[in-house]
Amino acid sequence: EGIQNIEFKDIEISKQLNFRIKLLGITEMLDNKLFERVHPCLVKKDSYIANVSGVMNAVILNGEPVGESVLQGEGAGSGPTSSALMSDLLSILRGNIKFPFGVSSKKRKSIIPYDVKNYSNSLYLRFEVNDKPGVLSQITKSLADSNISIERLIQIPDNKNKRASIIIITHQTNESNTNKCLKSLSINKNILKTPTKIRLF
């Protein structure tokens, strides 16, 4: 999932909530199963990953018992990109093509993928709505019916256009339930566009 649904409003609101939005690639083992995903995340402003900016990229590894290790360097721009490209081309020309995991895929032990339907996470949800009585209660009732608990709720009125932004931070919740809930809310004519969903990390 890319950043195409992130708006400037989300960046401003995340600052107020003491978060930054970062596009993360995450790989982890859950119940001895591999879970990989790429999507925008809200990360705490004082975390290491929140303060990697500009052309810099970072890889954070958490292992047992070694703990956390960080690799950081330029990952964009003409210099790093051309360097990486030339390095790959020269390796191919020299015949120095290594297996990406150090061994052939045929010799690697197969890993069972984690079922994303079982994944739980806290979420940032932003609804753009008509500013009418009862709209907020319709949204919160639908969340409650889907067993989604609200940790924090902010309503930002736009009196000029008779609209409002409703921002909800959830407690840990099953993403499958959330998607079903948001789909059920799509028929609500007071919700003016598809809600924005960003995971907390």
Protein backbone atom coordinates (compact mmCIF):
# COMPACT_ATOMS: atom_id res chain seq x y z
CA GLU A 1 0.00 0.00 0.00
CA GLY A 2 1.46 3.34 -1.03
CA ILE A 3 1.02 6.93 0.11
CA GLN A 4 -1.56 7.94 -2.52
CA ASN A 5 -4.36 8.24 0.06
CA ILE A 6 -2.35 10.39 2.49
CA GLU A 7 -3.38 14.06 2.46
CA PHE A 8 -1.69 17.13 3.92
CA LYS A 9 -4.46 17.15 6.55
CA ASP A 10 -3.24 13.75 7.82
CA ILE A 11 0.31 15.07 8.15
CA GLU A 12 -0.91 18.08 10.16
CA ILE A 13 -3.15 15.98 12.42
CA SER A 14 -0.39 13.41 13.02
CA LYS A 15 1.90 16.23 14.21
CA GLN A 16 -0.74 17.33 16.72
CA LEU A 17 -0.98 13.73 17.96
CA ASN A 18 2.84 13.56 18.37
CA PHE A 19 3.30 11.20 15.40
CA ARG A 20 4.96 11.27 11.99
CA ILE A 21 3.84 9.35 8.92
CA LYS A 22 6.44 7.01 7.42
CA LEU A 23 6.18 4.47 4.61
CA LEU A 24 7.57 1.27 6.15
CA GLY A 25 8.43 -2.18 4.85
CA ILE A 26 7.96 -4.60 7.75
CA THR A 27 9.01 -8.24 8.01
CA GLU A 28 8.43 -10.27 11.15
CA MET A 29 7.83 -13.77 12.39
CA LEU A 30 4.45 -14.26 14.09
CA ASP A 31 3.66 -17.72 15.49
CA ASN A 32 6.62 -19.06 13.46
CA LYS A 33 5.00 -17.71 10.28
CA LEU A 34 6.35 -15.01 7.96
CA PHE A 35 4.42 -11.74 7.83
CA GLU A 36 5.55 -9.09 5.34
CA ARG A 37 3.87 -5.84 4.35
CA VAL A 38 4.53 -2.34 3.06
CA HIS A 39 2.27 0.54 4.08
CA PRO A 40 2.26 4.00 5.67
CA CYS A 41 2.48 4.02 9.48
CA LEU A 42 2.08 6.54 12.27
CA VAL A 43 5.27 6.39 14.34
CA LYS A 44 6.04 8.30 17.56
CA LYS A 45 7.95 11.53 16.89
CA ASP A 46 10.71 10.59 19.33
CA SER A 47 11.35 7.14 17.80
CA TYR A 48 14.48 6.50 15.72
CA ILE A 49 12.59 5.69 12.53
CA ALA A 50 10.55 8.91 12.76
CA ASN A 51 13.72 10.97 12.51
CA VAL A 52 15.11 9.34 9.36
CA SER A 53 14.41 12.01 6.74
CA GLY A 54 15.37 13.39 3.35
CA VAL A 55 17.15 10.89 1.09
CA MET A 56 18.15 8.72 4.05
CA ASN A 57 16.84 5.18 4.46
CA ALA A 58 17.16 2.98 7.52
CA VAL A 59 16.86 -0.72 8.26
CA ILE A 60 16.13 -1.64 11.87
CA LEU A 61 16.71 -5.26 12.89
CA ASN A 62 15.38 -6.73 16.11
CA GLY A 63 16.86 -10.10 17.07
CA GLU A 64 17.26 -12.43 20.02
CA PRO A 65 19.39 -12.02 22.05
CA VAL A 66 21.27 -9.29 20.14
CA GLY A 67 18.50 -6.66 20.44
CA GLU A 68 18.18 -3.77 18.02
CA SER A 69 20.68 -2.99 15.23
CA VAL A 70 20.37 -0.07 12.82
CA LEU A 71 21.76 0.35 9.29
CA GLN A 72 21.33 3.81 7.79
CA GLY A 73 22.49 5.50 4.61
CA GLU A 74 21.43 7.41 1.54
CA GLY A 75 18.82 5.46 -0.37
CA ALA A 76 17.73 8.00 -2.96
CA GLY A 77 19.27 10.60 -5.23
CA SER A 78 21.56 10.34 -8.23
CA GLY A 79 24.68 9.16 -6.38
CA PRO A 80 23.26 6.24 -4.35
CA THR A 81 20.98 5.07 -7.18
CA SER A 82 23.70 5.05 -9.86
CA SER A 83 26.15 3.40 -7.42
CA ALA A 84 23.73 0.56 -6.65
CA LEU A 85 22.89 0.11 -10.34
CA MET A 86 26.55 0.01 -11.44
CA SER A 87 27.39 -2.41 -8.63
CA ASP A 88 24.67 -4.83 -9.79
CA LEU A 89 25.69 -4.55 -13.46
CA LEU A 90 29.37 -5.16 -12.67
CA SER A 91 28.50 -8.18 -10.52
CA ILE A 92 26.50 -9.66 -13.42
CA LEU A 93 29.31 -8.98 -15.94
CA ARG A 94 31.84 -10.66 -13.63
CA GLY A 95 29.56 -13.65 -13.14
CA ASN A 96 29.52 -12.90 -9.43
CA ILE A 97 25.82 -13.63 -8.93
CA LYS A 98 25.08 -14.76 -5.41
CA PHE A 99 21.93 -16.15 -3.89
CA PRO A 100 19.97 -13.37 -2.14
CA PHE A 101 19.73 -15.39 1.10
CA GLY A 102 23.20 -16.95 0.87
CA VAL A 103 21.84 -20.33 -0.27
CA SER A 104 19.79 -21.63 -3.17
CA SER A 105 16.01 -21.37 -2.82
CA LYS A 106 15.89 -25.16 -3.31
CA LYS A 107 17.95 -25.66 -0.15
CA ARG A 108 16.06 -23.18 1.97
CA LYS A 109 13.45 -24.38 4.41
CA SER A 110 9.97 -23.34 3.30
CA ILE A 111 8.24 -20.81 5.55
CA ILE A 112 4.49 -20.67 6.07
CA PRO A 113 3.02 -17.20 5.44
CA TYR A 114 1.04 -15.53 8.23
CA ASP A 115 -2.68 -15.08 7.55
CA VAL A 116 -3.27 -11.32 7.38
CA LYS A 117 -6.89 -11.86 8.50
CA ASN A 118 -5.56 -12.66 11.98
CA TYR A 119 -3.54 -9.45 12.27
CA SER A 120 -4.45 -6.90 14.93
CA ASN A 121 -3.22 -3.34 15.13
CA SER A 122 -4.15 0.11 16.36
CA LEU A 123 -5.46 2.34 13.59
CA TYR A 124 -5.86 5.99 12.67
CA LEU A 125 -9.17 6.52 10.88
CA ARG A 126 -10.21 9.84 9.32
CA PHE A 127 -13.79 10.39 8.18
CA GLU A 128 -14.90 13.42 6.15
CA VAL A 129 -18.58 13.96 6.93
CA ASN A 130 -21.52 16.33 6.71
CA ASP A 131 -21.67 18.19 10.00
CA LYS A 132 -25.12 17.00 11.05
CA PRO A 133 -26.52 15.69 14.35
CA GLY A 134 -26.24 11.92 14.66
CA VAL A 135 -23.42 11.34 12.15
CA LEU A 136 -20.76 10.79 14.83
CA SER A 137 -23.00 8.38 16.74
CA GLN A 138 -23.65 6.41 13.53
CA ILE A 139 -19.89 5.95 13.06
CA THR A 140 -19.15 5.05 16.69
CA LYS A 141 -22.09 2.60 16.80
CA SER A 142 -20.82 0.85 13.67
CA LEU A 143 -17.33 0.59 15.22
CA ALA A 144 -18.79 -0.78 18.47
CA ASP A 145 -20.89 -3.34 16.56
CA SER A 146 -17.63 -4.52 14.93
CA ASN A 147 -15.88 -4.84 18.34
CA ILE A 148 -13.62 -1.88 17.58
CA SER A 149 -12.72 0.09 20.69
CA ILE A 150 -11.94 3.82 20.48
CA GLU A 151 -8.86 5.13 22.29
CA ARG A 152 -9.08 8.73 21.13
CA LEU A 153 -11.54 10.81 19.12
CA ILE A 154 -11.12 14.29 17.62
CA GLN A 155 -13.72 16.25 15.66
CA ILE A 156 -12.56 19.22 13.56
CA PRO A 157 -15.47 21.32 12.25
CA ASP A 158 -15.46 23.17 8.95
CA ASN A 159 -18.29 25.62 9.68
CA LYS A 160 -17.99 27.40 6.34
CA ASN A 161 -18.77 24.22 4.35
CA LYS A 162 -20.94 22.57 7.04
CA ARG A 163 -18.58 19.62 7.14
CA ALA A 164 -16.28 18.03 9.69
CA SER A 165 -13.27 15.75 9.96
CA ILE A 166 -13.64 12.96 12.51
CA ILE A 167 -10.36 11.36 13.56
CA ILE A 168 -10.44 8.14 15.54
CA ILE A 169 -7.50 6.28 17.04
CA THR A 170 -8.52 2.71 17.87
CA HIS A 171 -7.20 0.27 20.41
CA GLN A 172 -5.69 -2.91 18.97
CA THR A 173 -8.27 -4.37 16.62
CA ASN A 174 -8.56 -7.05 13.96
CA GLU A 175 -8.02 -5.44 10.55
CA SER A 176 -10.48 -7.79 8.89
CA ASN A 177 -13.22 -6.49 11.22
CA THR A 178 -12.20 -2.91 10.47
CA ASN A 179 -12.38 -3.43 6.71
CA LYS A 180 -15.86 -4.94 7.01
CA CYS A 181 -16.95 -2.04 9.22
CA LEU A 182 -15.63 0.58 6.78
CA LYS A 183 -17.35 -1.22 3.92
CA SER A 184 -20.67 -1.15 5.80
CA LEU A 185 -20.23 2.60 6.40
CA SER A 186 -19.69 3.24 2.67
CA ILE A 187 -23.47 3.38 2.14
CA ASN A 188 -23.79 6.23 4.66
CA LYS A 189 -24.47 9.33 2.54
CA ASN A 190 -23.17 11.64 5.28
CA ILE A 191 -19.67 10.14 4.87
CA LEU A 192 -18.36 12.11 1.91
CA LYS A 193 -15.39 9.97 0.82
CA THR A 194 -13.63 6.72 1.55
CA PRO A 195 -12.15 6.97 5.07
CA THR A 196 -8.38 7.24 5.41
CA LYS A 197 -6.80 4.37 7.34
CA ILE A 198 -3.22 4.45 8.66
CA ARG A 199 -1.73 1.81 10.95
CA LEU A 200 0.15 2.72 14.12
CA PHE A 201 3.62 1.23 14.57
